[in-house]
Structures are given as structure tokens and as C-alpha cells.
Amino acid sequence: MKTFVQLKLFATLANHTPENADRYPVSPGSTIKNLLDSLNIPLSEAKLIFVNNVRVGPEAVIFGGERIGIFPPVGGG
């Protein structure tokens, strides 16, 4: 059974944003790493991950209904 998450990808990851980002299908019990794999985003490119405004790691489990934000490494000078 599929459920949905709201997905927001920032900066250089924005080009990976699917058309259905507001209702992106996930399998309940899958992880952020599974989500990144489905979006073809290497784990090394996902520096900051937030689920419902809480920072999490790639092992975090999602069940559907979450708001997920993913940021790449940020450089500056």
C-alpha cells in the first residue's frame, strides 16, 4: 500500500524534484535512504534532511503524511 509525503528539494537538488512532489508516493516503513534512491540522489548529496521540521538521518523511517526537506552541502566564502 502506498501513502504520500510532501517533498521539497533545495538548491542544486531542485532539479531532482518530481512533478508529484506535493504527493510523492512512498511505501510505509521505508527510509529516507530508500526515498533518495527512488529520486536518484546520492546519499553524499543530501547533507541536511528534515522530516516535519526535525533534522534526521538517512535511516529515518517514513510512514506517509510527512513533510520532507532535503538540502545539499552548501559552500561559501
PDB file of N, CA and C in Angstrom:
ATOM      1  N   MET A   1       0.839  -1.186   0.000  1.00  0.00           N
ATOM      2  CA  MET A   1       0.000   0.000   0.000  1.00  0.00           C
ATOM      3  C   MET A   1       0.878   1.241   0.000  1.00  0.00           C
ATOM      4  N   LYS A   2       0.561   2.171  -0.858  1.00  0.00           N
ATOM      5  CA  LYS A   2       1.331   3.406  -0.955  1.00  0.00           C
ATOM      6  C   LYS A   2       0.627   4.513  -0.180  1.00  0.00           C
ATOM      7  N   THR A   3       1.437   5.339   0.446  1.00  0.00           N
ATOM      8  CA  THR A   3       0.958   6.578   1.038  1.00  0.00           C
ATOM      9  C   THR A   3       1.787   7.690   0.414  1.00  0.00           C
ATOM     10  N   PHE A   4       1.595   8.912   0.866  1.00  0.00           N
ATOM     11  CA  PHE A   4       2.247  10.041   0.208  1.00  0.00           C
ATOM     12  C   PHE A   4       2.948  10.943   1.207  1.00  0.00           C
ATOM     13  N   VAL A   5       4.022  11.598   0.737  1.00  0.00           N
ATOM     14  CA  VAL A   5       4.720  12.625   1.506  1.00  0.00           C
ATOM     15  C   VAL A   5       4.768  13.895   0.670  1.00  0.00           C
ATOM     16  N   GLN A   6       4.985  15.016   1.338  1.00  0.00           N
ATOM     17  CA  GLN A   6       5.269  16.273   0.648  1.00  0.00           C
ATOM     18  C   GLN A   6       6.782  16.408   0.608  1.00  0.00           C
ATOM     19  N   LEU A   7       7.313  16.648  -0.556  1.00  0.00           N
ATOM     20  CA  LEU A   7       8.753  16.637  -0.768  1.00  0.00           C
ATOM     21  C   LEU A   7       9.220  17.989  -1.280  1.00  0.00           C
ATOM     22  N   LYS A   8      10.283  18.517  -0.659  1.00  0.00           N
ATOM     23  CA  LYS A   8      10.874  19.782  -1.108  1.00  0.00           C
ATOM     24  C   LYS A   8      12.381  19.590  -1.174  1.00  0.00           C
ATOM     25  N   LEU A   9      12.933  19.795  -2.370  1.00  0.00           N
ATOM     26  CA  LEU A   9      14.371  19.676  -2.592  1.00  0.00           C
ATOM     27  C   LEU A   9      14.927  21.072  -2.868  1.00  0.00           C
ATOM     28  N   PHE A  10      16.031  21.400  -2.230  1.00  0.00           N
ATOM     29  CA  PHE A  10      16.554  22.757  -2.279  1.00  0.00           C
ATOM     30  C   PHE A  10      17.848  22.861  -3.075  1.00  0.00           C
ATOM     31  N   ALA A  11      18.111  24.074  -3.551  1.00  0.00           N
ATOM     32  CA  ALA A  11      19.350  24.457  -4.245  1.00  0.00           C
ATOM     33  C   ALA A  11      19.648  23.498  -5.401  1.00  0.00           C
ATOM     34  N   THR A  12      20.838  22.910  -5.415  1.00  0.00           N
ATOM     35  CA  THR A  12      21.238  22.067  -6.548  1.00  0.00           C
ATOM     36  C   THR A  12      20.437  20.779  -6.651  1.00  0.00           C
ATOM     37  N   LEU A  13      19.707  20.417  -5.604  1.00  0.00           N
ATOM     38  CA  LEU A  13      18.877  19.210  -5.660  1.00  0.00           C
ATOM     39  C   LEU A  13      17.519  19.475  -6.305  1.00  0.00           C
ATOM     40  N   ALA A  14      17.179  20.723  -6.511  1.00  0.00           N
ATOM     41  CA  ALA A  14      15.859  21.074  -7.049  1.00  0.00           C
ATOM     42  C   ALA A  14      15.584  20.414  -8.399  1.00  0.00           C
ATOM     43  N   ASN A  15      16.637  20.168  -9.174  1.00  0.00           N
ATOM     44  CA  ASN A  15      16.415  19.539 -10.484  1.00  0.00           C
ATOM     45  C   ASN A  15      15.977  18.082 -10.374  1.00  0.00           C
ATOM     46  N   HIS A  16      16.033  17.505  -9.172  1.00  0.00           N
ATOM     47  CA  HIS A  16      15.539  16.148  -8.934  1.00  0.00           C
ATOM     48  C   HIS A  16      14.079  16.137  -8.490  1.00  0.00           C
ATOM     49  N   THR A  17      13.472  17.309  -8.355  1.00  0.00           N
ATOM     50  CA  THR A  17      12.101  17.390  -7.844  1.00  0.00           C
ATOM     51  C   THR A  17      11.122  16.777  -8.847  1.00  0.00           C
ATOM     52  N   PRO A  18      10.373  15.773  -8.415  1.00  0.00           N
ATOM     53  CA  PRO A  18       9.385  15.172  -9.321  1.00  0.00           C
ATOM     54  C   PRO A  18       8.148  16.063  -9.448  1.00  0.00           C
ATOM     55  N   GLU A  19       7.394  15.870 -10.519  1.00  0.00           N
ATOM     56  CA  GLU A  19       6.178  16.663 -10.729  1.00  0.00           C
ATOM     57  C   GLU A  19       5.168  16.457  -9.611  1.00  0.00           C
ATOM     58  N   ASN A  20       5.160  15.290  -9.020  1.00  0.00           N
ATOM     59  CA  ASN A  20       4.197  14.965  -7.969  1.00  0.00           C
ATOM     60  C   ASN A  20       4.794  15.159  -6.571  1.00  0.00           C
ATOM     61  N   ALA A  21       5.676  16.135  -6.404  1.00  0.00           N
ATOM     62  CA  ALA A  21       6.372  16.352  -5.135  1.00  0.00           C
ATOM     63  C   ALA A  21       5.418  16.649  -3.974  1.00  0.00           C
ATOM     64  N   ASP A  22       4.256  17.228  -4.266  1.00  0.00           N
ATOM     65  CA  ASP A  22       3.289  17.503  -3.197  1.00  0.00           C
ATOM     66  C   ASP A  22       2.603  16.234  -2.697  1.00  0.00           C
ATOM     67  N   ARG A  23       2.598  15.188  -3.515  1.00  0.00           N
ATOM     68  CA  ARG A  23       2.000  13.893  -3.135  1.00  0.00           C
ATOM     69  C   ARG A  23       2.883  12.781  -3.686  1.00  0.00           C
ATOM     70  N   TYR A  24       4.113  12.723  -3.192  1.00  0.00           N
ATOM     71  CA  TYR A  24       5.061  11.728  -3.687  1.00  0.00           C
ATOM     72  C   TYR A  24       4.787  10.388  -2.994  1.00  0.00           C
ATOM     73  N   PRO A  25       4.571   9.325  -3.763  1.00  0.00           N
ATOM     74  CA  PRO A  25       4.221   8.029  -3.161  1.00  0.00           C
ATOM     75  C   PRO A  25       5.415   7.365  -2.481  1.00  0.00           C
ATOM     76  N   VAL A  26       5.170   6.820  -1.294  1.00  0.00           N
ATOM     77  CA  VAL A  26       6.169   6.051  -0.559  1.00  0.00           C
ATOM     78  C   VAL A  26       5.494   4.819   0.025  1.00  0.00           C
ATOM     79  N   SER A  27       6.294   3.818   0.292  1.00  0.00           N
ATOM     80  CA  SER A  27       5.795   2.635   0.994  1.00  0.00           C
ATOM     81  C   SER A  27       5.974   2.867   2.488  1.00  0.00           C
ATOM     82  N   PRO A  28       4.912   2.725   3.281  1.00  0.00           N
ATOM     83  CA  PRO A  28       5.047   2.896   4.728  1.00  0.00           C
ATOM     84  C   PRO A  28       6.144   1.990   5.283  1.00  0.00           C
ATOM     85  N   GLY A  29       6.996   2.581   6.127  1.00  0.00           N
ATOM     86  CA  GLY A  29       8.104   1.824   6.697  1.00  0.00           C
ATOM     87  C   GLY A  29       9.393   1.947   5.914  1.00  0.00           C
ATOM     88  N   SER A  30       9.357   2.634   4.780  1.00  0.00           N
ATOM     89  CA  SER A  30      10.593   2.841   4.026  1.00  0.00           C
ATOM     90  C   SER A  30      11.425   3.920   4.725  1.00  0.00           C
ATOM     91  N   THR A  31      12.664   4.062   4.297  1.00  0.00           N
ATOM     92  CA  THR A  31      13.569   5.018   4.933  1.00  0.00           C
ATOM     93  C   THR A  31      13.849   6.205   4.012  1.00  0.00           C
ATOM     94  N   ILE A  32      14.450   7.221   4.589  1.00  0.00           N
ATOM     95  CA  ILE A  32      14.893   8.363   3.784  1.00  0.00           C
ATOM     96  C   ILE A  32      15.869   7.887   2.715  1.00  0.00           C
ATOM     97  N   LYS A  33      16.731   6.946   3.045  1.00  0.00           N
ATOM     98  CA  LYS A  33      17.677   6.396   2.062  1.00  0.00           C
ATOM     99  C   LYS A  33      16.918   5.777   0.890  1.00  0.00           C
ATOM    100  N   ASN A  34      15.841   5.038   1.159  1.00  0.00           N
ATOM    101  CA  ASN A  34      15.017   4.489   0.079  1.00  0.00           C
ATOM    102  C   ASN A  34      14.443   5.606  -0.784  1.00  0.00           C
ATOM    103  N   LEU A  35      13.993   6.677  -0.139  1.00  0.00           N
ATOM    104  CA  LEU A  35      13.444   7.826  -0.857  1.00  0.00           C
ATOM    105  C   LEU A  35      14.504   8.457  -1.752  1.00  0.00           C
ATOM    106  N   LEU A  36      15.699   8.668  -1.216  1.00  0.00           N
ATOM    107  CA  LEU A  36      16.789   9.239  -2.013  1.00  0.00           C
ATOM    108  C   LEU A  36      17.103   8.352  -3.205  1.00  0.00           C
ATOM    109  N   ASP A  37      17.132   7.046  -2.992  1.00  0.00           N
ATOM    110  CA  ASP A  37      17.397   6.111  -4.096  1.00  0.00           C
ATOM    111  C   ASP A  37      16.330   6.247  -5.182  1.00  0.00           C
ATOM    112  N   SER A  38      15.069   6.388  -4.786  1.00  0.00           N
ATOM    113  CA  SER A  38      13.992   6.497  -5.776  1.00  0.00           C
ATOM    114  C   SER A  38      14.083   7.791  -6.575  1.00  0.00           C
ATOM    115  N   LEU A  39      14.749   8.789  -6.010  1.00  0.00           N
ATOM    116  CA  LEU A  39      14.916  10.080  -6.688  1.00  0.00           C
ATOM    117  C   LEU A  39      16.263  10.187  -7.407  1.00  0.00           C
ATOM    118  N   ASN A  40      17.060   9.124  -7.357  1.00  0.00           N
ATOM    119  CA  ASN A  40      18.405   9.107  -7.954  1.00  0.00           C
ATOM    120  C   ASN A  40      19.302  10.192  -7.368  1.00  0.00           C
ATOM    121  N   ILE A  41      19.198  10.389  -6.049  1.00  0.00           N
ATOM    122  CA  ILE A  41      20.044  11.348  -5.339  1.00  0.00           C
ATOM    123  C   ILE A  41      21.047  10.556  -4.509  1.00  0.00           C
ATOM    124  N   PRO A  42      22.347  10.717  -4.789  1.00  0.00           N
ATOM    125  CA  PRO A  42      23.348  10.019  -3.976  1.00  0.00           C
ATOM    126  C   PRO A  42      23.294  10.508  -2.526  1.00  0.00           C
ATOM    127  N   LEU A  43      23.518   9.609  -1.602  1.00  0.00           N
ATOM    128  CA  LEU A  43      23.488   9.952  -0.186  1.00  0.00           C
ATOM    129  C   LEU A  43      24.459  11.091   0.131  1.00  0.00           C
ATOM    130  N   SER A  44      25.582  11.131  -0.566  1.00  0.00           N
ATOM    131  CA  SER A  44      26.580  12.180  -0.329  1.00  0.00           C
ATOM    132  C   SER A  44      26.068  13.568  -0.716  1.00  0.00           C
ATOM    133  N   GLU A  45      25.012  13.633  -1.519  1.00  0.00           N
ATOM    134  CA  GLU A  45      24.454  14.919  -1.952  1.00  0.00           C
ATOM    135  C   GLU A  45      23.342  15.426  -1.038  1.00  0.00           C
ATOM    136  N   ALA A  46      22.925  14.633  -0.078  1.00  0.00           N
ATOM    137  CA  ALA A  46      21.857  15.029   0.846  1.00  0.00           C
ATOM    138  C   ALA A  46      22.487  15.331   2.204  1.00  0.00           C
ATOM    139  N   LYS A  47      22.876  16.571   2.410  1.00  0.00           N
ATOM    140  CA  LYS A  47      23.599  16.944   3.625  1.00  0.00           C
ATOM    141  C   LYS A  47      22.668  17.161   4.817  1.00  0.00           C
ATOM    142  N   LEU A  48      21.573  17.881   4.596  1.00  0.00           N
ATOM    143  CA  LEU A  48      20.611  18.158   5.659  1.00  0.00           C
ATOM    144  C   LEU A  48      19.257  17.596   5.254  1.00  0.00           C
ATOM    145  N   ILE A  49      18.677  16.805   6.127  1.00  0.00           N
ATOM    146  CA  ILE A  49      17.374  16.192   5.855  1.00  0.00           C
ATOM    147  C   ILE A  49      16.452  16.510   7.023  1.00  0.00           C
ATOM    148  N   PHE A  50      15.288  17.040   6.704  1.00  0.00           N
ATOM    149  CA  PHE A  50      14.306  17.379   7.723  1.00  0.00           C
ATOM    150  C   PHE A  50      12.996  16.645   7.447  1.00  0.00           C
ATOM    151  N   VAL A  51      12.433  16.039   8.474  1.00  0.00           N
ATOM    152  CA  VAL A  51      11.118  15.427   8.400  1.00  0.00           C
ATOM    153  C   VAL A  51      10.250  16.131   9.431  1.00  0.00           C
ATOM    154  N   ASN A  52       9.200  16.801   8.947  1.00  0.00           N
ATOM    155  CA  ASN A  52       8.319  17.580   9.827  1.00  0.00           C
ATOM    156  C   ASN A  52       9.120  18.544  10.699  1.00  0.00           C
ATOM    157  N   ASN A  53      10.080  19.242  10.072  1.00  0.00           N
ATOM    158  CA  ASN A  53      10.911  20.266  10.704  1.00  0.00           C
ATOM    159  C   ASN A  53      11.894  19.735  11.741  1.00  0.00           C
ATOM    160  N   VAL A  54      12.148  18.436  11.756  1.00  0.00           N
ATOM    161  CA  VAL A  54      13.118  17.838  12.668  1.00  0.00           C
ATOM    162  C   VAL A  54      14.229  17.217  11.828  1.00  0.00           C
ATOM    163  N   ARG A  55      15.487  17.556  12.163  1.00  0.00           N
ATOM    164  CA  ARG A  55      16.608  17.008  11.406  1.00  0.00           C
ATOM    165  C   ARG A  55      16.732  15.514  11.693  1.00  0.00           C
ATOM    166  N   VAL A  56      16.883  14.735  10.622  1.00  0.00           N
ATOM    167  CA  VAL A  56      17.001  13.282  10.724  1.00  0.00           C
ATOM    168  C   VAL A  56      18.143  12.799   9.844  1.00  0.00           C
ATOM    169  N   GLY A  57      18.484  11.533  10.000  1.00  0.00           N
ATOM    170  CA  GLY A  57      19.480  10.893   9.156  1.00  0.00           C
ATOM    171  C   GLY A  57      18.813  10.028   8.101  1.00  0.00           C
ATOM    172  N   PRO A  58      19.614   9.444   7.231  1.00  0.00           N
ATOM    173  CA  PRO A  58      19.066   8.638   6.132  1.00  0.00           C
ATOM    174  C   PRO A  58      18.367   7.361   6.600  1.00  0.00           C
ATOM    175  N   GLU A  59      18.615   6.950   7.843  1.00  0.00           N
ATOM    176  CA  GLU A  59      17.975   5.741   8.359  1.00  0.00           C
ATOM    177  C   GLU A  59      16.576   5.995   8.909  1.00  0.00           C
ATOM    178  N   ALA A  60      16.159   7.268   8.956  1.00  0.00           N
ATOM    179  CA  ALA A  60      14.833   7.611   9.498  1.00  0.00           C
ATOM    180  C   ALA A  60      13.737   6.927   8.690  1.00  0.00           C
ATOM    181  N   VAL A  61      12.762   6.390   9.393  1.00  0.00           N
ATOM    182  CA  VAL A  61      11.646   5.673   8.770  1.00  0.00           C
ATOM    183  C   VAL A  61      10.502   6.655   8.509  1.00  0.00           C
ATOM    184  N   ILE A  62       9.899   6.529   7.333  1.00  0.00           N
ATOM    185  CA  ILE A  62       8.752   7.369   6.984  1.00  0.00           C
ATOM    186  C   ILE A  62       7.530   6.475   6.770  1.00  0.00           C
ATOM    187  N   PHE A  63       6.373   7.029   7.078  1.00  0.00           N
ATOM    188  CA  PHE A  63       5.140   6.244   7.021  1.00  0.00           C
ATOM    189  C   PHE A  63       4.088   6.843   6.098  1.00  0.00           C
ATOM    190  N   GLY A  64       4.297   8.085   5.670  1.00  0.00           N
ATOM    191  CA  GLY A  64       3.320   8.796   4.858  1.00  0.00           C
ATOM    192  C   GLY A  64       2.748   9.953   5.643  1.00  0.00           C
ATOM    193  N   GLY A  65       2.472  11.040   4.947  1.00  0.00           N
ATOM    194  CA  GLY A  65       1.935  12.229   5.590  1.00  0.00           C
ATOM    195  C   GLY A  65       2.996  13.209   6.035  1.00  0.00           C
ATOM    196  N   GLU A  66       4.261  12.820   5.965  1.00  0.00           N
ATOM    197  CA  GLU A  66       5.328  13.711   6.405  1.00  0.00           C
ATOM    198  C   GLU A  66       5.634  14.798   5.372  1.00  0.00           C
ATOM    199  N   ARG A  67       6.216  15.883   5.876  1.00  0.00           N
ATOM    200  CA  ARG A  67       6.803  16.924   5.032  1.00  0.00           C
ATOM    201  C   ARG A  67       8.314  16.739   5.112  1.00  0.00           C
ATOM    202  N   ILE A  68       8.948  16.544   3.967  1.00  0.00           N
ATOM    203  CA  ILE A  68      10.376  16.223   3.919  1.00  0.00           C
ATOM    204  C   ILE A  68      11.117  17.282   3.122  1.00  0.00           C
ATOM    205  N   GLY A  69      12.147  17.849   3.725  1.00  0.00           N
ATOM    206  CA  GLY A  69      13.005  18.812   3.059  1.00  0.00           C
ATOM    207  C   GLY A  69      14.427  18.281   3.007  1.00  0.00           C
ATOM    208  N   ILE A  70      15.062  18.394   1.843  1.00  0.00           N
ATOM    209  CA  ILE A  70      16.422  17.884   1.664  1.00  0.00           C
ATOM    210  C   ILE A  70      17.292  18.971   1.065  1.00  0.00           C
ATOM    211  N   PHE A  71      18.431  19.227   1.735  1.00  0.00           N
ATOM    212  CA  PHE A  71      19.368  20.255   1.305  1.00  0.00           C
ATOM    213  C   PHE A  71      20.703  19.617   0.925  1.00  0.00           C
ATOM    214  N   PRO A  72      21.362  20.153  -0.100  1.00  0.00           N
ATOM    215  CA  PRO A  72      22.688  19.662  -0.468  1.00  0.00           C
ATOM    216  C   PRO A  72      23.746  20.303   0.432  1.00  0.00           C
ATOM    217  N   PRO A  73      24.996  19.823   0.327  1.00  0.00           N
ATOM    218  CA  PRO A  73      26.085  20.531   1.025  1.00  0.00           C
ATOM    219  C   PRO A  73      26.139  21.967   0.499  1.00  0.00           C
ATOM    220  N   VAL A  74      26.407  22.894   1.383  1.00  0.00           N
ATOM    221  CA  VAL A  74      26.445  24.302   0.989  1.00  0.00           C
ATOM    222  C   VAL A  74      27.865  24.814   1.135  1.00  0.00           C
ATOM    223  N   GLY A  75      28.344  25.450   0.090  1.00  0.00           N
ATOM    224  CA  GLY A  75      29.676  26.042   0.128  1.00  0.00           C
ATOM    225  C   GLY A  75      29.555  27.560   0.149  1.00  0.00           C
ATOM    226  N   GLY A  76      30.571  28.191   0.549  1.00  0.00           N
ATOM    227  CA  GLY A  76      30.541  29.658   0.583  1.00  0.00           C
ATOM    228  C   GLY A  76      31.904  30.176   0.933  1.00  0.00           C
ATOM    229  N   GLY A  77      31.998  31.459   0.882  1.00  0.00           N
ATOM    230  CA  GLY A  77      33.312  32.007   1.204  1.00  0.00           C
ATOM    231  C   GLY A  77      33.247  33.452   1.456  1.00  0.00           C
TER     232      GLY A  77
END
